[in-house]
C-alpha atoms as a PDB file:
ATOM      1  CA  MET A   1      -1.975   5.718   7.289  1.00  0.00           C
ATOM      2  CA  ASP A   2      -1.567   2.968   9.838  1.00  0.00           C
ATOM      3  CA  PHE A   3      -5.164   1.994   9.185  1.00  0.00           C
ATOM      4  CA  ILE A   4      -4.599   1.683   5.441  1.00  0.00           C
ATOM      5  CA  LEU A   5      -1.257  -0.086   5.670  1.00  0.00           C
ATOM      6  CA  GLY A   6      -2.110  -2.118   8.764  1.00  0.00           C
ATOM      7  CA  ARG A   7      -5.285  -3.715   7.449  1.00  0.00           C
ATOM      8  CA  PHE A   8      -3.558  -4.549   4.188  1.00  0.00           C
ATOM      9  CA  ALA A   9      -0.548  -5.996   5.992  1.00  0.00           C
ATOM     10  CA  ARG A  10      -2.664  -8.174   8.299  1.00  0.00           C
ATOM     11  CA  GLU A  11      -4.422  -9.711   5.307  1.00  0.00           C
ATOM     12  CA  GLU A  12      -1.668  -9.864   2.717  1.00  0.00           C
ATOM     13  CA  ILE A  13       1.807  -9.912   4.264  1.00  0.00           C
ATOM     14  CA  GLY A  14       1.866 -13.695   4.529  1.00  0.00           C
ATOM     15  CA  ARG A  15       1.534 -13.888   0.745  1.00  0.00           C
ATOM     16  CA  PHE A  16       4.437 -11.524   0.009  1.00  0.00           C
ATOM     17  CA  SER A  17       7.612 -12.746  -1.601  1.00  0.00           C
ATOM     18  CA  ASP A  18      10.867 -11.451  -0.133  1.00  0.00           C
ATOM     19  CA  ALA A  19      11.042  -8.834  -2.907  1.00  0.00           C
ATOM     20  CA  GLU A  20       7.458  -7.720  -2.234  1.00  0.00           C
ATOM     21  CA  LEU A  21       8.220  -7.454   1.461  1.00  0.00           C
ATOM     22  CA  ASP A  22      11.146  -5.164   0.630  1.00  0.00           C
ATOM     23  CA  VAL A  23       8.821  -2.971  -1.443  1.00  0.00           C
ATOM     24  CA  PHE A  24       6.257  -2.861   1.372  1.00  0.00           C
ATOM     25  CA  GLU A  25       8.933  -1.868   3.881  1.00  0.00           C
ATOM     26  CA  LYS A  26       9.861   1.073   1.647  1.00  0.00           C
ATOM     27  CA  LEU A  27       6.200   2.098   1.483  1.00  0.00           C
ATOM     28  CA  ILE A  28       5.848   2.230   5.250  1.00  0.00           C
ATOM     29  CA  GLU A  29       8.797   4.633   5.403  1.00  0.00           C
ATOM     30  CA  VAL A  30       6.982   7.234   3.277  1.00  0.00           C
ATOM     31  CA  SER A  31       5.556  10.207   5.175  1.00  0.00           C
ATOM     32  CA  ASP A  32       1.863   9.947   6.008  1.00  0.00           C
ATOM     33  CA  THR A  33       1.023  13.084   4.036  1.00  0.00           C
ATOM     34  CA  GLU A  34       2.819  11.974   0.908  1.00  0.00           C
ATOM     35  CA  PHE A  35       1.324   8.486   1.123  1.00  0.00           C
ATOM     36  CA  TYR A  36      -2.178   9.907   1.619  1.00  0.00           C
ATOM     37  CA  TYR A  37      -1.814  12.081  -1.478  1.00  0.00           C
ATOM     38  CA  TRP A  38      -0.891   9.037  -3.535  1.00  0.00           C
ATOM     39  CA  VAL A  39      -3.679   6.840  -2.178  1.00  0.00           C
ATOM     40  CA  SER A  40      -6.276   9.577  -2.579  1.00  0.00           C
ATOM     41  CA  GLY A  41      -5.118  10.418  -6.097  1.00  0.00           C
ATOM     42  CA  ARG A  42      -4.180  13.993  -5.178  1.00  0.00           C
ATOM     43  CA  GLU A  43      -0.645  13.402  -6.423  1.00  0.00           C
ATOM     44  CA  LYS A  44       0.834  11.009  -8.919  1.00  0.00           C
ATOM     45  CA  VAL A  45       2.667   8.067  -7.396  1.00  0.00           C
ATOM     46  CA  PRO A  46       6.394   8.312  -8.138  1.00  0.00           C
ATOM     47  CA  PRO A  47       7.581   5.522 -10.440  1.00  0.00           C
ATOM     48  CA  GLU A  48       9.724   3.919  -7.737  1.00  0.00           C
ATOM     49  CA  PHE A  49       6.597   3.425  -5.600  1.00  0.00           C
ATOM     50  CA  ASP A  50       4.143   2.619  -8.406  1.00  0.00           C
ATOM     51  CA  THR A  51       4.608  -1.090  -7.859  1.00  0.00           C
ATOM     52  CA  GLU A  52       2.474  -4.195  -7.887  1.00  0.00           C
ATOM     53  CA  VAL A  53       2.402  -4.054  -4.086  1.00  0.00           C
ATOM     54  CA  PHE A  54       1.060  -0.489  -4.153  1.00  0.00           C
ATOM     55  CA  ARG A  55      -1.570  -1.434  -6.740  1.00  0.00           C
ATOM     56  CA  ARG A  56      -2.571  -4.440  -4.616  1.00  0.00           C
ATOM     57  CA  LEU A  57      -2.962  -2.126  -1.631  1.00  0.00           C
ATOM     58  CA  LEU A  58      -5.250   0.169  -3.630  1.00  0.00           C
ATOM     59  CA  ALA A  59      -7.291  -2.765  -4.902  1.00  0.00           C
ATOM     60  CA  PHE A  60      -7.527  -4.221  -1.403  1.00  0.00           C
ATOM     61  CA  HIS A  61      -9.142  -1.049  -0.097  1.00  0.00           C
ATOM     62  CA  ALA A  62     -11.352  -0.592  -3.151  1.00  0.00           C
ATOM     63  CA  ALA A  63     -12.846  -4.068  -2.882  1.00  0.00           C
ATOM     64  CA  PRO A  64     -16.203  -4.332  -1.121  1.00  0.00           C
ATOM     65  CA  ARG A  65     -15.971  -5.961   2.297  1.00  0.00           C
ATOM     66  CA  THR A  66     -18.344  -8.452   3.789  1.00  0.00           C
ATOM     67  CA  TRP A  67     -18.130  -8.056   7.539  1.00  0.00           C
END
């Protein structure tokens, strides 16, 4: 999950408000397995984690990249 969270953080963390940073810090505390199930759609994201930050993370990884 470091790859998913790390790439997102490198690109986006500078744009986070203090509240968004708090939400992101809670996300990085989630177990890798649980987080993977949410990202992959295998399990529904619990309401307390279904946040704008989480949706931005999903969109970030869904967007095509130009390398």
